[in-house]
Amino acid sequence: MNQHIRVPATALPFIDLAAQRRRLGRTVDDAIARVLAHGQYIMGPEVRALETELASFCGARNAIVCASGTDALLLVLLAKHIGAGDAVFCPSFTFCATAEVVALVGATPVFVDVAEHDFNIDPQSLARGVASAKQLGLTPKAVIPVDLFGQPADHDAIASVASAHGLFVLDDAAQAFGATYRGRKIGTLAPVTATSFFPAKPLGCYGDGGAVFTDDDALTADLRSLRVHGEGSDRYDNVRIGLTARLDTIQAAVLLEKLRIFPDEIATRHQVAKRYAERLGDIVTVPQVARDVTSVWAQYTIRLASGRREAFAAALKSEGIPTAIYYPKPLHRQRAYRHYPVVDGGLPVSECLSADVISLPMHAYLDEATQDRIAGVVRAALAV
């Protein structure tokens, strides 16, 4: 018998939704059963309850839940009448939905760069982007900063640039709901905030879902109309062109149960991130959280030396440790978006990050022994 046959390592989950499900136990089953019993599958009482609880959690006056994080962004642009000839500034180092919604309303996404220290939109690049848009004959209208990987962008600096140039700020907090910036929670940092409840998010449902947060009551009324086909006094009184963008009641019921344990999960995520930094900070570039800011650690993303990522990922995979790359190609280099303008001077940081970053398993149920296993394999892979 060959004694050198290697038994493959047991694969770890990248995000352990099953562990969370075990913790929740019957509470989710019972919540879904209540929806099945009352039968109000669309806009049932759980939807209204969730909006109240979400607004209370983050301190916003209004929460409007909807069908996805992408719909959350799109509804806001529609309500603000963003369209042809308008420039909306987006980071290139993000998921495509940020720019996708801009193109869908007929406006022009103008790509700006991000900062190396937090991967979030660079306010100086944003200011240059305004000048670039004007040179192209576009009207600067809005900026969509992204709170990437769970950490808020520098919202005070962004607000300063936006105020100087008359830009509306729509915060894309799809990865960062639950985080704080200088004592304020996501949902209150910009005039309007959009988030996602995709299952892999720190607060996720069992399907697609999203929400918009704002203190603007008039805008809230427009958003509530737009998410249901632009309805007026009733669903057969259509006062504007809208969408089918409602969150279904079962997803609202699931989110209500998950929201109850969310603060505890955020605290645990902080501990996981701290352990990663302690175990890996001497051999790799680990993420840094800015002063007076907290992250919800949607991802734990490290930077490697150039050219090492492929071998590193393969080494971890061979030991049963999954990794993910957010994002292997910046938006301005993707076929669907490469004809849209970029800020003068280009996007060097976005391009470098796309080549260097890789994310390790991150969730609230990552115990110390498992994390030690991950850290040991990471160190071994980097020592080669």
Protein backbone atom coordinates (compact mmCIF):
# COMPACT_ATOMS: atom_id res chain seq x y z
CA MET A 1 0.00 0.00 0.00
CA ASN A 2 1.34 3.43 -0.92
CA GLN A 3 1.85 5.32 2.34
CA HIS A 4 2.33 8.65 0.53
CA ILE A 5 -1.19 9.04 -0.83
CA ARG A 6 -2.40 12.45 0.33
CA VAL A 7 -5.94 12.66 1.68
CA PRO A 8 -7.56 15.93 0.52
CA ALA A 9 -8.24 18.40 3.32
CA THR A 10 -11.83 18.99 4.32
CA ALA A 11 -13.03 22.10 2.52
CA LEU A 12 -14.13 25.01 4.68
CA PRO A 13 -17.08 27.25 3.79
CA PHE A 14 -16.11 30.73 2.63
CA ILE A 15 -19.19 32.14 4.40
CA ASP A 16 -20.83 29.72 6.83
CA LEU A 17 -24.56 30.35 6.44
CA ALA A 18 -25.26 26.85 7.75
CA ALA A 19 -23.72 27.71 11.13
CA GLN A 20 -25.89 30.80 11.36
CA ARG A 21 -28.92 28.73 10.42
CA ARG A 22 -28.19 26.33 13.26
CA ARG A 23 -27.96 29.21 15.71
CA LEU A 24 -31.29 30.65 14.59
CA GLY A 25 -32.93 27.26 14.98
CA ARG A 26 -36.71 27.22 14.77
CA THR A 27 -37.10 31.00 14.95
CA VAL A 28 -36.81 31.35 11.18
CA ASP A 29 -39.05 28.33 10.56
CA ASP A 30 -41.68 29.84 12.83
CA ALA A 31 -41.37 33.27 11.19
CA ILE A 32 -41.91 31.76 7.74
CA ALA A 33 -44.79 29.66 9.06
CA ARG A 34 -46.51 32.83 10.29
CA VAL A 35 -46.35 34.24 6.77
CA LEU A 36 -47.72 31.02 5.33
CA ALA A 37 -50.57 31.19 7.84
CA HIS A 38 -51.65 34.76 7.08
CA GLY A 39 -50.96 34.45 3.34
CA GLN A 40 -49.93 38.06 2.70
CA TYR A 41 -46.92 37.15 0.60
CA ILE A 42 -46.49 40.62 -0.92
CA MET A 43 -46.29 43.72 1.31
CA GLY A 44 -47.46 41.78 4.36
CA PRO A 45 -47.13 43.06 7.95
CA GLU A 46 -43.54 41.78 8.28
CA VAL A 47 -42.46 44.20 5.54
CA ARG A 48 -43.70 47.19 7.51
CA ALA A 49 -42.24 45.80 10.72
CA LEU A 50 -38.86 45.31 9.08
CA GLU A 51 -38.79 48.88 7.79
CA THR A 52 -39.45 50.14 11.30
CA GLU A 53 -36.75 47.95 12.83
CA LEU A 54 -34.15 48.79 10.18
CA ALA A 55 -34.71 52.53 10.55
CA SER A 56 -34.47 52.22 14.32
CA PHE A 57 -31.27 50.18 14.07
CA CYS A 58 -29.35 52.75 12.02
CA GLY A 59 -31.06 55.97 13.07
CA ALA A 60 -32.58 56.94 9.74
CA ARG A 61 -36.07 58.43 9.70
CA ASN A 62 -37.24 56.22 6.85
CA ALA A 63 -36.39 52.76 5.53
CA ILE A 64 -37.86 51.54 2.26
CA VAL A 65 -37.22 47.85 1.62
CA CYS A 66 -37.10 46.53 -1.92
CA ALA A 67 -36.28 43.52 -4.09
CA SER A 68 -32.48 43.85 -4.27
CA GLY A 69 -29.54 46.12 -3.61
CA THR A 70 -29.44 46.96 -7.30
CA ASP A 71 -33.09 48.01 -7.21
CA ALA A 72 -32.32 50.15 -4.17
CA LEU A 73 -29.78 52.14 -6.19
CA LEU A 74 -31.97 52.26 -9.28
CA LEU A 75 -35.04 53.51 -7.40
CA VAL A 76 -33.06 56.45 -6.03
CA LEU A 77 -31.71 57.48 -9.44
CA LEU A 78 -35.22 57.30 -10.89
CA ALA A 79 -36.63 59.36 -8.02
CA LYS A 80 -33.91 61.99 -8.52
CA HIS A 81 -34.62 62.13 -12.30
CA ILE A 82 -31.02 61.31 -13.24
CA GLY A 83 -30.81 60.70 -16.98
CA ALA A 84 -29.25 61.47 -20.35
CA GLY A 85 -26.45 63.99 -20.30
CA ASP A 86 -25.87 63.58 -16.55
CA ALA A 87 -22.56 62.39 -15.12
CA VAL A 88 -22.63 60.11 -12.08
CA PHE A 89 -19.26 59.38 -10.51
CA CYS A 90 -18.49 55.80 -9.46
CA PRO A 91 -15.38 54.00 -8.26
CA SER A 92 -14.06 51.51 -10.78
CA PHE A 93 -13.00 49.05 -8.07
CA THR A 94 -16.43 47.71 -7.12
CA PHE A 95 -19.19 45.36 -8.22
CA CYS A 96 -20.85 46.26 -11.50
CA ALA A 97 -24.23 47.18 -9.96
CA THR A 98 -22.87 50.56 -8.86
CA ALA A 99 -22.35 51.69 -12.44
CA GLU A 100 -25.01 49.46 -13.98
CA VAL A 101 -27.87 51.47 -12.55
CA VAL A 102 -26.39 54.70 -13.91
CA ALA A 103 -26.31 53.28 -17.42
CA LEU A 104 -29.82 51.85 -17.04
CA VAL A 105 -31.32 55.32 -16.45
CA GLY A 106 -29.47 56.68 -19.49
CA ALA A 107 -26.87 58.68 -17.56
CA THR A 108 -23.10 58.36 -17.93
CA PRO A 109 -21.01 56.63 -15.26
CA VAL A 110 -17.67 58.43 -14.94
CA PHE A 111 -15.09 56.21 -13.26
CA VAL A 112 -12.84 57.62 -10.56
CA ASP A 113 -10.10 55.99 -8.53
CA VAL A 114 -9.98 54.62 -5.01
CA ALA A 115 -7.50 55.13 -2.18
CA GLU A 116 -4.91 52.47 -1.42
CA HIS A 117 -5.40 52.54 2.36
CA ASP A 118 -9.11 51.62 2.43
CA PHE A 119 -10.05 50.72 -1.19
CA ASN A 120 -12.82 53.36 -1.08
CA ILE A 121 -13.41 56.28 -3.42
CA ASP A 122 -10.61 58.86 -3.42
CA PRO A 123 -12.08 62.36 -2.84
CA GLN A 124 -9.25 63.96 -4.83
CA SER A 125 -9.92 61.69 -7.78
CA LEU A 126 -13.62 62.58 -7.46
CA ALA A 127 -12.82 66.29 -7.71
CA ARG A 128 -10.72 65.66 -10.83
CA GLY A 129 -13.54 63.54 -12.23
CA VAL A 130 -15.90 66.50 -12.09
CA ALA A 131 -13.52 68.48 -14.27
CA SER A 132 -13.18 65.54 -16.66
CA ALA A 133 -16.96 65.24 -17.01
CA LYS A 134 -17.36 68.93 -17.76
CA GLN A 135 -14.71 68.72 -20.47
CA LEU A 136 -16.84 66.04 -22.11
CA GLY A 137 -19.93 68.23 -22.04
CA LEU A 138 -21.65 66.23 -19.30
CA THR A 139 -23.54 67.73 -16.37
CA PRO A 140 -22.15 66.51 -13.03
CA LYS A 141 -25.15 65.36 -11.00
CA ALA A 142 -24.32 62.68 -8.46
CA VAL A 143 -21.67 60.52 -6.84
CA ILE A 144 -22.12 56.93 -5.62
CA PRO A 145 -19.39 56.17 -3.08
CA VAL A 146 -19.14 52.49 -2.14
CA ASP A 147 -18.42 51.40 1.44
CA LEU A 148 -16.27 48.56 0.20
CA PHE A 149 -15.70 45.29 2.05
CA GLY A 150 -17.63 46.62 5.07
CA GLN A 151 -15.72 49.85 5.81
CA PRO A 152 -17.36 53.26 5.27
CA ALA A 153 -15.76 55.60 2.78
CA ASP A 154 -14.54 59.02 3.94
CA HIS A 155 -18.01 60.54 3.86
CA ASP A 156 -17.09 63.95 5.26
CA ALA A 157 -14.48 64.47 2.55
CA ILE A 158 -16.87 63.19 -0.12
CA ALA A 159 -19.62 65.51 1.13
CA SER A 160 -17.22 68.44 0.91
CA VAL A 161 -16.42 67.74 -2.75
CA ALA A 162 -20.08 67.07 -3.49
CA SER A 163 -21.17 70.34 -1.92
CA ALA A 164 -18.55 72.30 -3.85
CA HIS A 165 -19.78 70.87 -7.16
CA GLY A 166 -23.50 70.48 -6.53
CA LEU A 167 -23.49 66.68 -6.51
CA PHE A 168 -26.14 64.49 -4.94
CA VAL A 169 -24.60 61.73 -2.79
CA LEU A 170 -26.05 58.21 -2.92
CA ASP A 171 -24.17 55.92 -0.57
CA ASP A 172 -23.79 52.36 -1.88
CA ALA A 173 -23.61 50.48 1.41
CA ALA A 174 -24.36 47.04 -0.02
CA GLN A 175 -21.42 45.60 1.93
CA ALA A 176 -21.42 47.82 5.00
CA PHE A 177 -24.80 48.06 6.71
CA GLY A 178 -24.08 48.00 10.43
CA ALA A 179 -20.76 49.88 10.19
CA THR A 180 -20.11 53.31 11.73
CA TYR A 181 -18.29 56.47 10.71
CA ARG A 182 -17.30 59.03 13.35
CA GLY A 183 -20.08 57.97 15.66
CA ARG A 184 -22.77 57.74 12.99
CA LYS A 185 -24.20 54.57 11.51
CA ILE A 186 -24.42 53.62 7.86
CA GLY A 187 -27.82 54.82 6.70
CA THR A 188 -27.30 58.33 8.05
CA LEU A 189 -24.01 59.34 6.39
CA ALA A 190 -25.47 60.61 3.11
CA PRO A 191 -28.81 62.08 2.00
CA VAL A 192 -29.72 58.61 0.73
CA THR A 193 -28.18 55.19 1.39
CA ALA A 194 -28.81 51.93 -0.45
CA THR A 195 -27.95 48.49 0.87
CA SER A 196 -28.29 44.84 -0.11
CA PHE A 197 -29.58 41.79 1.74
CA PHE A 198 -28.07 39.25 -0.67
CA PRO A 199 -27.45 36.05 1.35
CA ALA A 200 -23.66 36.54 1.53
CA LYS A 201 -23.93 40.04 3.01
CA PRO A 202 -23.35 40.54 6.76
CA LEU A 203 -27.14 40.95 7.09
CA GLY A 204 -28.61 38.75 4.38
CA CYS A 205 -31.93 37.10 3.64
CA TYR A 206 -32.63 33.78 1.89
CA GLY A 207 -32.87 35.33 -1.56
CA ASP A 208 -32.50 38.81 -2.97
CA GLY A 209 -33.41 41.91 -1.01
CA GLY A 210 -32.40 45.50 -0.41
CA ALA A 211 -33.32 48.76 1.28
CA VAL A 212 -33.04 52.52 0.96
CA PHE A 213 -32.55 54.84 3.95
CA THR A 214 -33.28 58.57 4.00
CA ASP A 215 -34.57 61.36 6.22
CA ASP A 216 -36.30 62.97 3.22
CA ASP A 217 -40.03 62.29 3.59
CA ALA A 218 -40.94 63.53 0.10
CA LEU A 219 -38.29 61.30 -1.47
CA THR A 220 -39.54 58.40 0.65
CA ALA A 221 -43.03 58.81 -0.80
CA ASP A 222 -41.62 58.77 -4.33
CA LEU A 223 -39.55 55.66 -3.61
CA ARG A 224 -42.54 53.81 -2.17
CA SER A 225 -44.48 54.66 -5.33
CA LEU A 226 -41.67 53.69 -7.69
CA ARG A 227 -41.16 50.25 -6.13
CA VAL A 228 -44.78 49.35 -7.00
CA HIS A 229 -45.10 50.39 -10.65
CA GLY A 230 -45.29 54.10 -9.82
CA GLU A 231 -48.61 53.75 -8.03
CA GLY A 232 -50.53 56.74 -6.74
CA SER A 233 -53.64 56.41 -4.57
CA ASP A 234 -53.84 52.71 -5.46
CA ARG A 235 -52.18 50.19 -7.75
CA TYR A 236 -54.40 51.14 -10.68
CA ASP A 237 -53.55 54.84 -10.33
CA ASN A 238 -50.10 55.12 -11.89
CA VAL A 239 -48.55 58.56 -11.45
CA ARG A 240 -45.01 57.77 -12.64
CA ILE A 241 -43.08 55.03 -14.47
CA GLY A 242 -41.93 52.54 -11.86
CA LEU A 243 -40.71 49.01 -11.24
CA THR A 244 -41.71 45.77 -9.59
CA ALA A 245 -39.21 46.22 -6.79
CA ARG A 246 -40.99 44.97 -3.68
CA LEU A 247 -39.37 42.80 -1.01
CA ASP A 248 -41.51 39.72 -0.48
CA THR A 249 -42.94 39.07 2.97
CA ILE A 250 -41.08 35.82 3.60
CA GLN A 251 -37.73 37.56 3.10
CA ALA A 252 -38.84 40.32 5.48
CA ALA A 253 -39.71 37.69 8.08
CA VAL A 254 -36.28 36.09 7.72
CA LEU A 255 -34.53 39.45 8.04
CA LEU A 256 -36.45 40.35 11.20
CA GLU A 257 -35.06 37.23 12.88
CA LYS A 258 -31.54 37.81 11.59
CA LEU A 259 -31.60 41.45 12.69
CA ARG A 260 -32.08 40.32 16.29
CA ILE A 261 -28.67 38.62 16.34
CA PHE A 262 -26.95 41.07 13.99
CA PRO A 263 -25.25 43.24 16.68
CA ASP A 264 -23.70 40.15 18.25
CA GLU A 265 -22.53 38.91 14.85
CA ILE A 266 -20.91 42.27 14.11
CA ALA A 267 -18.99 42.09 17.39
CA THR A 268 -17.83 38.56 16.54
CA ARG A 269 -16.71 39.68 13.07
CA HIS A 270 -14.55 42.32 14.75
CA GLN A 271 -12.86 39.59 16.79
CA VAL A 272 -12.28 37.44 13.71
CA ALA A 273 -10.70 40.38 11.87
CA LYS A 274 -8.53 41.17 14.89
CA ARG A 275 -7.25 37.59 15.05
CA TYR A 276 -6.44 37.62 11.34
CA ALA A 277 -4.44 40.83 11.77
CA GLU A 278 -2.55 39.41 14.74
CA ARG A 279 -1.68 36.18 12.95
CA LEU A 280 -0.93 37.57 9.49
CA GLY A 281 -0.02 41.22 9.87
CA ASP A 282 3.72 40.54 9.87
CA ILE A 283 3.79 38.69 6.54
CA VAL A 284 1.09 40.22 4.34
CA THR A 285 -0.72 43.53 3.87
CA VAL A 286 -3.85 43.19 5.98
CA PRO A 287 -6.78 45.63 5.81
CA GLN A 288 -6.57 48.79 7.89
CA VAL A 289 -9.63 50.44 9.40
CA ALA A 290 -9.49 54.22 9.57
CA ARG A 291 -9.60 56.02 12.91
CA ASP A 292 -13.14 56.70 14.20
CA VAL A 293 -14.54 54.09 11.79
CA THR A 294 -15.81 50.55 12.28
CA SER A 295 -16.20 47.88 9.63
CA VAL A 296 -18.66 45.00 9.45
CA TRP A 297 -16.03 42.98 7.58
CA ALA A 298 -18.17 41.81 4.69
CA GLN A 299 -14.90 40.47 3.32
CA TYR A 300 -11.41 40.11 4.77
CA THR A 301 -9.21 41.17 1.87
CA ILE A 302 -5.43 41.06 1.91
CA ARG A 303 -2.88 42.28 -0.64
CA LEU A 304 -0.12 40.08 -2.01
CA ALA A 305 3.06 40.91 -3.82
CA SER A 306 2.54 41.21 -7.54
CA GLY A 307 2.33 37.90 -9.38
CA ARG A 308 1.77 35.70 -6.33
CA ARG A 309 -2.01 35.47 -6.24
CA GLU A 310 -2.61 32.48 -8.51
CA ALA A 311 -0.12 30.23 -6.74
CA PHE A 312 -1.34 31.43 -3.34
CA ALA A 313 -4.97 30.61 -4.15
CA ALA A 314 -3.98 27.19 -5.46
CA ALA A 315 -1.98 26.44 -2.31
CA LEU A 316 -4.92 27.29 -0.08
CA LYS A 317 -7.38 25.36 -2.24
CA SER A 318 -5.21 22.25 -1.96
CA GLU A 319 -5.63 22.49 1.81
CA GLY A 320 -9.40 22.92 1.63
CA ILE A 321 -9.39 26.67 2.21
CA PRO A 322 -11.46 28.71 -0.25
CA THR A 323 -10.54 32.21 -1.38
CA ALA A 324 -12.27 34.82 -3.51
CA ILE A 325 -11.10 37.72 -5.63
CA TYR A 326 -13.07 40.95 -5.37
CA TYR A 327 -12.55 42.20 -8.10
CA PRO A 328 -10.31 40.61 -10.77
CA LYS A 329 -11.09 43.27 -13.35
CA PRO A 330 -11.99 46.91 -12.60
CA LEU A 331 -15.19 48.17 -14.19
CA HIS A 332 -13.51 50.47 -16.69
CA ARG A 333 -11.77 47.44 -18.23
CA GLN A 334 -14.89 45.31 -18.59
CA ARG A 335 -16.49 45.05 -22.01
CA ALA A 336 -19.84 46.47 -20.91
CA TYR A 337 -18.26 49.58 -19.37
CA ARG A 338 -14.99 50.26 -21.15
CA HIS A 339 -16.53 52.88 -23.46
CA TYR A 340 -17.52 55.08 -20.50
CA PRO A 341 -15.17 57.91 -19.44
CA VAL A 342 -12.53 57.73 -16.73
CA VAL A 343 -11.01 60.53 -14.70
CA ASP A 344 -8.06 62.34 -16.26
CA GLY A 345 -4.88 60.64 -15.11
CA GLY A 346 -6.41 57.17 -15.16
CA LEU A 347 -7.17 54.69 -12.40
CA PRO A 348 -3.82 53.26 -11.30
CA VAL A 349 -4.87 52.21 -7.79
CA SER A 350 -7.96 50.34 -9.02
CA GLU A 351 -5.82 48.51 -11.56
CA CYS A 352 -3.19 47.53 -8.98
CA LEU A 353 -5.76 46.32 -6.47
CA SER A 354 -7.50 44.16 -9.06
CA ALA A 355 -4.20 42.39 -9.65
CA ASP A 356 -3.14 42.01 -6.01
CA VAL A 357 -6.07 41.44 -3.65
CA ILE A 358 -7.55 38.19 -2.43
CA SER A 359 -10.11 37.50 0.29
CA LEU A 360 -10.01 34.88 3.04
CA PRO A 361 -12.99 33.17 4.71
CA MET A 362 -14.85 35.66 6.90
CA HIS A 363 -18.03 35.20 8.92
CA ALA A 364 -19.25 35.40 12.50
CA TYR A 365 -18.90 31.65 13.10
CA LEU A 366 -15.20 31.28 12.31
CA ASP A 367 -13.84 29.71 15.50
CA GLU A 368 -10.27 30.20 16.68
CA ALA A 369 -9.11 26.69 15.82
CA THR A 370 -10.34 27.02 12.25
CA GLN A 371 -8.84 30.46 11.95
CA ASP A 372 -5.52 29.15 13.22
CA ARG A 373 -5.67 26.46 10.53
CA ILE A 374 -6.29 29.12 7.86
CA ALA A 375 -3.49 31.35 9.17
CA GLY A 376 -1.04 28.45 9.23
CA VAL A 377 -1.75 27.54 5.62
CA VAL A 378 -1.50 31.20 4.58
CA ARG A 379 1.88 31.54 6.26
CA ALA A 380 3.12 28.32 4.66
CA ALA A 381 1.95 29.43 1.23
CA LEU A 382 3.69 32.78 1.55
CA ALA A 383 6.90 31.17 2.77
CA VAL A 384 7.37 29.27 -0.50
